[in-house]
Amino acid sequence: MVAIAIVGLVIAVTVPGSMRFYESIQYRQSVRDVLSALGGARQQAMDTGRAQDVLFRPREGSVEYAGETLLLPDDFTLAVTTASEVNQGAAGVIRFYPEGGSTGGDIDITAPGGRGVRIAVDWLMGGVTQVRHEQP
C-alpha cells in the first residue's frame, strides 16, 4: 500500500510539470519558427530583389512563407496587426522589400498559460524585435 501511495504521489507531481514543460517547448519552437520565417523573408527579398510576403492567418493559427505553412498548436493564440493595403482577405501580410524595409506589423503569440510574446516588425528598416508579455 505504501509503495502504491508513493507511486501515485510521484505521478501526481510529475504529470503537471511535464505538461508545462511540453507547452514551454511548443511555445519556444513556435516563436523561433515565426522569427525564422520573418528573417528568411527579409533576407530573400534583399537577395532576389523581389518583395516577399509572410501571411498570418489568426483563425487557423498559421503562418505561411515560401510555400510552407507553419501551424501553431491548437490552444495557442495568434493575433496580428498589419497594413491593410497588403492584406489578403482574412490573412494579415507583412511584406519585405528589396532595400530591407517592410510594411511593418505586430504578431502576438500567446500560450494557454498566458505566457506570450509580441514580435514587432519595423516598417522603415524591416528589423524584427520581440518583447515578452503576460496576460492577466
Foldseek 3Di string as FASTA:
>chain_A
DVVVVVVVVVCVPVPVVVVVVVLVVLQVVVVVVVVVQLVVQLVCQQVVQHKFKWKAQFVQQWIDGPHDIDHRPPQKGKDKDFDPVPADVNIHIWIHHNVQAIRKIWIWIAHNQQKIKIWTQHRGRRDIDIDIDGDD
